[in-house]
């Protein structure tokens, strides 16, 4: 009887260990996927910053063109 109880306990411990191994394997997969998501978000942030810089540069050029146009209109007495 004691051997039977001991075998049942060992079987339960093996099942618990196997379940824990499956959880750890799944957790590794989740961590890898999370790293990929974090990398993707970092890339999007870089792209967003780059786009904002482009918009600021374009606005500077537009402002300069606007100033030149106003000076030309003033010189030609169009305004």
PDB file of N, CA and C in Angstrom:
ATOM      1  N   UNK A   1       0.817  -1.191   0.000  1.00  0.00           N
ATOM      2  CA  UNK A   1       0.000   0.000   0.000  1.00  0.00           C
ATOM      3  C   UNK A   1       0.861   1.255   0.000  1.00  0.00           C
ATOM      4  N   UNK A   2       1.921   1.234   0.803  1.00  0.00           N
ATOM      5  CA  UNK A   2       2.802   2.401   0.882  1.00  0.00           C
ATOM      6  C   UNK A   2       3.481   2.636  -0.460  1.00  0.00           C
ATOM      7  N   UNK A   3       3.854   1.553  -1.149  1.00  0.00           N
ATOM      8  CA  UNK A   3       4.470   1.699  -2.474  1.00  0.00           C
ATOM      9  C   UNK A   3       3.491   2.317  -3.462  1.00  0.00           C
ATOM     10  N   UNK A   4       2.232   1.914  -3.365  1.00  0.00           N
ATOM     11  CA  UNK A   4       1.211   2.437  -4.263  1.00  0.00           C
ATOM     12  C   UNK A   4       1.016   3.940  -4.038  1.00  0.00           C
ATOM     13  N   UNK A   5       0.951   4.362  -2.778  1.00  0.00           N
ATOM     14  CA  UNK A   5       0.796   5.785  -2.443  1.00  0.00           C
ATOM     15  C   UNK A   5       2.020   6.555  -2.916  1.00  0.00           C
ATOM     16  N   UNK A   6       3.194   5.980  -2.713  1.00  0.00           N
ATOM     17  CA  UNK A   6       4.437   6.635  -3.134  1.00  0.00           C
ATOM     18  C   UNK A   6       4.470   6.792  -4.654  1.00  0.00           C
ATOM     19  N   UNK A   7       4.042   5.770  -5.373  1.00  0.00           N
ATOM     20  CA  UNK A   7       3.997   5.844  -6.836  1.00  0.00           C
ATOM     21  C   UNK A   7       3.007   6.905  -7.314  1.00  0.00           C
ATOM     22  N   UNK A   8       1.862   6.987  -6.648  1.00  0.00           N
ATOM     23  CA  UNK A   8       0.863   7.994  -7.019  1.00  0.00           C
ATOM     24  C   UNK A   8       1.421   9.394  -6.787  1.00  0.00           C
ATOM     25  N   UNK A   9       2.089   9.587  -5.666  1.00  0.00           N
ATOM     26  CA  UNK A   9       2.688  10.895  -5.364  1.00  0.00           C
ATOM     27  C   UNK A   9       3.749  11.236  -6.404  1.00  0.00           C
ATOM     28  N   UNK A  10       4.601  10.272  -6.741  1.00  0.00           N
ATOM     29  CA  UNK A  10       5.632  10.518  -7.753  1.00  0.00           C
ATOM     30  C   UNK A  10       5.006  10.843  -9.106  1.00  0.00           C
ATOM     31  N   UNK A  11       3.927  10.149  -9.443  1.00  0.00           N
ATOM     32  CA  UNK A  11       3.245  10.418 -10.712  1.00  0.00           C
ATOM     33  C   UNK A  11       2.674  11.834 -10.727  1.00  0.00           C
ATOM     34  N   UNK A  12       2.078  12.237  -9.621  1.00  0.00           N
ATOM     35  CA  UNK A  12       1.552  13.605  -9.536  1.00  0.00           C
ATOM     36  C   UNK A  12       2.680  14.635  -9.640  1.00  0.00           C
ATOM     37  N   UNK A  13       3.785  14.365  -8.991  1.00  0.00           N
ATOM     38  CA  UNK A  13       4.927  15.284  -9.067  1.00  0.00           C
ATOM     39  C   UNK A  13       5.459  15.377 -10.495  1.00  0.00           C
ATOM     40  N   UNK A  14       5.515  14.249 -11.192  1.00  0.00           N
ATOM     41  CA  UNK A  14       5.964  14.266 -12.594  1.00  0.00           C
ATOM     42  C   UNK A  14       4.999  15.076 -13.462  1.00  0.00           C
ATOM     43  N   UNK A  15       3.701  14.878 -13.225  1.00  0.00           N
ATOM     44  CA  UNK A  15       2.705  15.641 -13.983  1.00  0.00           C
ATOM     45  C   UNK A  15       2.826  17.137 -13.702  1.00  0.00           C
ATOM     46  N   UNK A  16       3.044  17.471 -12.433  1.00  0.00           N
ATOM     47  CA  UNK A  16       3.233  18.885 -12.086  1.00  0.00           C
ATOM     48  C   UNK A  16       4.471  19.454 -12.776  1.00  0.00           C
ATOM     49  N   UNK A  17       5.548  18.701 -12.774  1.00  0.00           N
ATOM     50  CA  UNK A  17       6.784  19.148 -13.420  1.00  0.00           C
ATOM     51  C   UNK A  17       6.579  19.312 -14.927  1.00  0.00           C
ATOM     52  N   UNK A  18       5.864  18.380 -15.542  1.00  0.00           N
ATOM     53  CA  UNK A  18       5.593  18.476 -16.981  1.00  0.00           C
ATOM     54  C   UNK A  18       4.733  19.707 -17.279  1.00  0.00           C
ATOM     55  N   UNK A  19       3.751  19.955 -16.427  1.00  0.00           N
ATOM     56  CA  UNK A  19       2.917  21.150 -16.598  1.00  0.00           C
ATOM     57  C   UNK A  19       3.730  22.421 -16.451  1.00  0.00           C
ATOM     58  N   UNK A  20       4.625  22.422 -15.485  1.00  0.00           N
ATOM     59  CA  UNK A  20       5.488  23.588 -15.281  1.00  0.00           C
ATOM     60  C   UNK A  20       6.398  23.791 -16.489  1.00  0.00           C
ATOM     61  N   UNK A  21       6.908  22.714 -17.052  1.00  0.00           N
ATOM     62  CA  UNK A  21       7.751  22.822 -18.251  1.00  0.00           C
ATOM     63  C   UNK A  21       6.967  23.424 -19.417  1.00  0.00           C
ATOM     64  N   UNK A  22       5.711  22.998 -19.573  1.00  0.00           N
ATOM     65  CA  UNK A  22       4.878  23.564 -20.646  1.00  0.00           C
ATOM     66  C   UNK A  22       4.636  25.052 -20.418  1.00  0.00           C
ATOM     67  N   UNK A  23       4.392  25.421 -19.175  1.00  0.00           N
ATOM     68  CA  UNK A  23       4.180  26.838 -18.856  1.00  0.00           C
ATOM     69  C   UNK A  23       5.439  27.646 -19.155  1.00  0.00           C
ATOM     70  N   UNK A  24       6.594  27.131 -18.771  1.00  0.00           N
ATOM     71  CA  UNK A  24       7.851  27.840 -19.023  1.00  0.00           C
ATOM     72  C   UNK A  24       8.114  27.986 -20.517  1.00  0.00           C
ATOM     73  N   UNK A  25       7.812  26.942 -21.281  1.00  0.00           N
ATOM     74  CA  UNK A  25       7.982  27.018 -22.737  1.00  0.00           C
ATOM     75  C   UNK A  25       7.050  28.074 -23.320  1.00  0.00           C
ATOM     76  N   UNK A  26       5.804  28.073 -22.872  1.00  0.00           N
ATOM     77  CA  UNK A  26       4.843  29.079 -23.337  1.00  0.00           C
ATOM     78  C   UNK A  26       5.269  30.481 -22.949  1.00  0.00           C
ATOM     79  N   UNK A  27       5.822  30.623 -21.757  1.00  0.00           N
ATOM     80  CA  UNK A  27       6.279  31.930 -21.286  1.00  0.00           C
ATOM     81  C   UNK A  27       7.449  32.437 -22.126  1.00  0.00           C
ATOM     82  N   UNK A  28       8.339  31.544 -22.521  1.00  0.00           N
ATOM     83  CA  UNK A  28       9.447  31.943 -23.399  1.00  0.00           C
ATOM     84  C   UNK A  28       8.907  32.481 -24.712  1.00  0.00           C
ATOM     85  N   UNK A  29       7.892  31.807 -25.259  1.00  0.00           N
ATOM     86  CA  UNK A  29       7.276  32.253 -26.513  1.00  0.00           C
ATOM     87  C   UNK A  29       6.647  33.632 -26.341  1.00  0.00           C
ATOM     88  N   UNK A  30       5.940  33.821 -25.234  1.00  0.00           N
ATOM     89  CA  UNK A  30       5.305  35.118 -24.970  1.00  0.00           C
ATOM     90  C   UNK A  30       6.366  36.208 -24.836  1.00  0.00           C
ATOM     91  N   UNK A  31       7.452  35.916 -24.163  1.00  0.00           N
ATOM     92  CA  UNK A  31       8.530  36.907 -24.004  1.00  0.00           C
ATOM     93  C   UNK A  31       9.138  37.274 -25.349  1.00  0.00           C
ATOM     94  N   UNK A  32       9.348  36.281 -26.207  1.00  0.00           N
ATOM     95  CA  UNK A  32       9.905  36.564 -27.531  1.00  0.00           C
ATOM     96  C   UNK A  32       8.950  37.429 -28.343  1.00  0.00           C
ATOM     97  N   UNK A  33       7.685  37.112 -28.280  1.00  0.00           N
ATOM     98  CA  UNK A  33       6.695  37.900 -29.024  1.00  0.00           C
ATOM     99  C   UNK A  33       6.607  39.312 -28.465  1.00  0.00           C
ATOM    100  N   UNK A  34       6.685  39.448 -27.151  1.00  0.00           N
ATOM    101  CA  UNK A  34       6.644  40.766 -26.523  1.00  0.00           C
ATOM    102  C   UNK A  34       7.849  41.600 -26.938  1.00  0.00           C
ATOM    103  N   UNK A  35       9.006  40.967 -27.026  1.00  0.00           N
ATOM    104  CA  UNK A  35      10.198  41.672 -27.496  1.00  0.00           C
ATOM    105  C   UNK A  35       9.988  42.180 -28.914  1.00  0.00           C
ATOM    106  N   UNK A  36       9.363  41.362 -29.755  1.00  0.00           N
ATOM    107  CA  UNK A  36       9.059  41.790 -31.121  1.00  0.00           C
ATOM    108  C   UNK A  36       8.105  42.974 -31.147  1.00  0.00           C
ATOM    109  N   UNK A  37       7.099  42.938 -30.286  1.00  0.00           N
ATOM    110  CA  UNK A  37       6.142  44.051 -30.215  1.00  0.00           C
ATOM    111  C   UNK A  37       6.850  45.321 -29.744  1.00  0.00           C
ATOM    112  N   UNK A  38       7.695  45.193 -28.729  1.00  0.00           N
ATOM    113  CA  UNK A  38       8.433  46.354 -28.227  1.00  0.00           C
ATOM    114  C   UNK A  38       9.338  46.935 -29.307  1.00  0.00           C
ATOM    115  N   UNK A  39       9.977  46.086 -30.064  1.00  0.00           N
ATOM    116  CA  UNK A  39      10.830  46.561 -31.160  1.00  0.00           C
ATOM    117  C   UNK A  39       9.998  47.287 -32.210  1.00  0.00           C
ATOM    118  N   UNK A  40       8.841  46.741 -32.515  1.00  0.00           N
ATOM    119  CA  UNK A  40       7.948  47.387 -33.476  1.00  0.00           C
ATOM    120  C   UNK A  40       7.491  48.755 -33.004  1.00  0.00           C
ATOM    121  N   UNK A  41       7.148  48.863 -31.732  1.00  0.00           N
ATOM    122  CA  UNK A  41       6.722  50.148 -31.173  1.00  0.00           C
ATOM    123  C   UNK A  41       7.869  51.147 -31.217  1.00  0.00           C
ATOM    124  N   UNK A  42       9.071  50.701 -30.887  1.00  0.00           N
ATOM    125  CA  UNK A  42      10.231  51.599 -30.946  1.00  0.00           C
ATOM    126  C   UNK A  42      10.445  52.096 -32.372  1.00  0.00           C
ATOM    127  N   UNK A  43      10.279  51.218 -33.351  1.00  0.00           N
ATOM    128  CA  UNK A  43      10.412  51.623 -34.752  1.00  0.00           C
ATOM    129  C   UNK A  43       9.360  52.641 -35.143  1.00  0.00           C
ATOM    130  N   UNK A  44       8.129  52.434 -34.692  1.00  0.00           N
ATOM    131  CA  UNK A  44       7.058  53.389 -34.988  1.00  0.00           C
ATOM    132  C   UNK A  44       7.347  54.745 -34.363  1.00  0.00           C
ATOM    133  N   UNK A  45       7.897  54.734 -33.159  1.00  0.00           N
ATOM    134  CA  UNK A  45       8.241  56.009 -32.511  1.00  0.00           C
ATOM    135  C   UNK A  45       9.320  56.739 -33.300  1.00  0.00           C
ATOM    136  N   UNK A  46      10.315  55.994 -33.770  1.00  0.00           N
ATOM    137  CA  UNK A  46      11.373  56.621 -34.582  1.00  0.00           C
ATOM    138  C   UNK A  46      10.788  57.196 -35.863  1.00  0.00           C
ATOM    139  N   UNK A  47       9.902  56.437 -36.500  1.00  0.00           N
ATOM    140  CA  UNK A  47       9.262  56.920 -37.726  1.00  0.00           C
ATOM    141  C   UNK A  47       8.447  58.179 -37.460  1.00  0.00           C
ATOM    142  N   UNK A  48       7.733  58.188 -36.347  1.00  0.00           N
ATOM    143  CA  UNK A  48       6.909  59.337 -35.993  1.00  0.00           C
ATOM    144  C   UNK A  48       7.773  60.572 -35.764  1.00  0.00           C
ATOM    145  N   UNK A  49       8.873  60.407 -35.063  1.00  0.00           N
ATOM    146  CA  UNK A  49       9.782  61.529 -34.818  1.00  0.00           C
ATOM    147  C   UNK A  49      10.351  62.032 -36.131  1.00  0.00           C
ATOM    148  N   UNK A  50      10.726  61.122 -36.995  1.00  0.00           N
ATOM    149  CA  UNK A  50      11.265  61.503 -38.300  1.00  0.00           C
ATOM    150  C   UNK A  50      10.226  62.276 -39.105  1.00  0.00           C
ATOM    151  N   UNK A  51       8.983  61.820 -39.065  1.00  0.00           N
ATOM    152  CA  UNK A  51       7.910  62.500 -39.786  1.00  0.00           C
ATOM    153  C   UNK A  51       7.687  63.896 -39.218  1.00  0.00           C
ATOM    154  N   UNK A  52       7.723  64.031 -37.911  1.00  0.00           N
ATOM    155  CA  UNK A  52       7.554  65.346 -37.290  1.00  0.00           C
ATOM    156  C   UNK A  52       8.683  66.286 -37.703  1.00  0.00           C
ATOM    157  N   UNK A  53       9.902  65.771 -37.746  1.00  0.00           N
ATOM    158  CA  UNK A  53      11.027  66.597 -38.177  1.00  0.00           C
ATOM    159  C   UNK A  53      10.826  67.064 -39.616  1.00  0.00           C
ATOM    160  N   UNK A  54      10.338  66.176 -40.470  1.00  0.00           N
ATOM    161  CA  UNK A  54      10.064  66.553 -41.862  1.00  0.00           C
ATOM    162  C   UNK A  54       9.013  67.655 -41.937  1.00  0.00           C
ATOM    163  N   UNK A  55       7.972  67.535 -41.133  1.00  0.00           N
ATOM    164  CA  UNK A  55       6.913  68.550 -41.123  1.00  0.00           C
ATOM    165  C   UNK A  55       7.481  69.894 -40.680  1.00  0.00           C
ATOM    166  N   UNK A  56       8.319  69.898 -39.653  1.00  0.00           N
ATOM    167  CA  UNK A  56       8.915  71.152 -39.178  1.00  0.00           C
ATOM    168  C   UNK A  56       9.802  71.774 -40.249  1.00  0.00           C
ATOM    169  N   UNK A  57      10.594  70.939 -40.927  1.00  0.00           N
ATOM    170  CA  UNK A  57      11.449  71.452 -42.002  1.00  0.00           C
ATOM    171  C   UNK A  57      10.607  72.040 -43.127  1.00  0.00           C
ATOM    172  N   UNK A  58       9.558  71.345 -43.494  1.00  0.00           N
ATOM    173  CA  UNK A  58       8.685  71.832 -44.563  1.00  0.00           C
ATOM    174  C   UNK A  58       8.013  73.144 -44.165  1.00  0.00           C
ATOM    175  N   UNK A  59       7.614  73.239 -42.916  1.00  0.00           N
ATOM    176  CA  UNK A  59       6.975  74.473 -42.456  1.00  0.00           C
ATOM    177  C   UNK A  59       7.965  75.634 -42.495  1.00  0.00           C
ATOM    178  N   UNK A  60       9.217  75.377 -42.172  1.00  0.00           N
ATOM    179  CA  UNK A  60      10.247  76.417 -42.251  1.00  0.00           C
ATOM    180  C   UNK A  60      10.405  76.893 -43.687  1.00  0.00           C
ATOM    181  N   UNK A  61      10.434  75.963 -44.624  1.00  0.00           N
ATOM    182  CA  UNK A  61      10.551  76.321 -46.044  1.00  0.00           C
ATOM    183  C   UNK A  61       9.321  77.103 -46.491  1.00  0.00           C
ATOM    184  N   UNK A  62       8.137  76.662 -46.081  1.00  0.00           N
ATOM    185  CA  UNK A  62       6.900  77.361 -46.449  1.00  0.00           C
ATOM    186  C   UNK A  62       6.918  78.783 -45.900  1.00  0.00           C
ATOM    187  N   UNK A  63       7.362  78.943 -44.660  1.00  0.00           N
ATOM    188  CA  UNK A  63       7.443  80.283 -44.067  1.00  0.00           C
ATOM    189  C   UNK A  63       8.396  81.172 -44.855  1.00  0.00           C
ATOM    190  N   UNK A  64       9.535  80.618 -45.259  1.00  0.00           N
ATOM    191  CA  UNK A  64      10.506  81.400 -46.035  1.00  0.00           C
ATOM    192  C   UNK A  64       9.913  81.795 -47.388  1.00  0.00           C
ATOM    193  N   UNK A  65       9.230  80.876 -48.043  1.00  0.00           N
ATOM    194  CA  UNK A  65       8.597  81.172 -49.335  1.00  0.00           C
ATOM    195  C   UNK A  65       7.516  82.237 -49.157  1.00  0.00           C
ATOM    196  N   UNK A  66       6.761  82.134 -48.097  1.00  0.00           N
ATOM    197  CA  UNK A  66       5.716  83.114 -47.820  1.00  0.00           C
ATOM    198  C   UNK A  66       6.319  84.506 -47.619  1.00  0.00           C
ATOM    199  N   UNK A  67       7.412  84.581 -46.868  1.00  0.00           N
ATOM    200  CA  UNK A  67       8.090  85.867 -46.660  1.00  0.00           C
ATOM    201  C   UNK A  67       8.576  86.440 -47.983  1.00  0.00           C
ATOM    202  N   UNK A  68       9.178  85.595 -48.803  1.00  0.00           N
ATOM    203  CA  UNK A  68       9.669  86.063 -50.107  1.00  0.00           C
ATOM    204  C   UNK A  68       8.517  86.548 -50.979  1.00  0.00           C
ATOM    205  N   UNK A  69       7.413  85.821 -50.975  1.00  0.00           N
ATOM    206  CA  UNK A  69       6.253  86.208 -51.769  1.00  0.00           C
ATOM    207  C   UNK A  69       5.698  87.557 -51.308  1.00  0.00           C
ATOM    208  N   UNK A  70       5.642  87.742 -50.002  1.00  0.00           N
ATOM    209  CA  UNK A  70       5.158  89.026 -49.481  1.00  0.00           C
ATOM    210  C   UNK A  70       6.075  90.171 -49.897  1.00  0.00           C
ATOM    211  N   UNK A  71       7.385  89.933 -49.846  1.00  0.00           N
ATOM    212  CA  UNK A  71       8.325  90.980 -50.273  1.00  0.00           C
ATOM    213  C   UNK A  71       8.163  91.281 -51.757  1.00  0.00           C
ATOM    214  N   UNK A  72       7.988  90.253 -52.572  1.00  0.00           N
ATOM    215  CA  UNK A  72       7.801  90.448 -54.020  1.00  0.00           C
ATOM    216  C   UNK A  72       6.510  91.223 -54.279  1.00  0.00           C
ATOM    217  N   UNK A  73       5.423  90.830 -53.613  1.00  0.00           N
ATOM    218  CA  UNK A  73       4.152  91.528 -53.800  1.00  0.00           C
ATOM    219  C   UNK A  73       4.262  92.987 -53.376  1.00  0.00           C
ATOM    220  N   UNK A  74       4.977  93.209 -52.285  1.00  0.00           N
ATOM    221  CA  UNK A  74       5.152  94.583 -51.806  1.00  0.00           C
ATOM    222  C   UNK A  74       5.961  95.392 -52.813  1.00  0.00           C
ATOM    223  N   UNK A  75       7.030  94.807 -53.332  1.00  0.00           N
ATOM    224  CA  UNK A  75       7.882  95.488 -54.294  1.00  0.00           C
ATOM    225  C   UNK A  75       7.115  95.799 -55.580  1.00  0.00           C
ATOM    226  N   UNK A  76       6.257  94.891 -55.993  1.00  0.00           N
ATOM    227  CA  UNK A  76       5.474  95.093 -57.216  1.00  0.00           C
ATOM    228  C   UNK A  76       4.158  95.828 -56.943  1.00  0.00           C
ATOM    229  N   UNK A  77       3.976  96.176 -55.681  1.00  0.00           N
ATOM    230  CA  UNK A  77       2.777  96.898 -55.246  1.00  0.00           C
ATOM    231  C   UNK A  77       1.499  96.132 -55.609  1.00  0.00           C
ATOM    232  N   UNK A  78       1.514  94.843 -55.338  1.00  0.00           N
ATOM    233  CA  UNK A  78       0.352  94.003 -55.622  1.00  0.00           C
ATOM    234  C   UNK A  78      -0.561  93.852 -54.405  1.00  0.00           C
ATOM    235  N   UNK A  79      -0.063  94.180 -53.261  1.00  0.00           N
ATOM    236  CA  UNK A  79      -0.890  94.001 -52.067  1.00  0.00           C
ATOM    237  C   UNK A  79      -1.339  95.319 -51.484  1.00  0.00           C
TER     238      UNK A  79
END
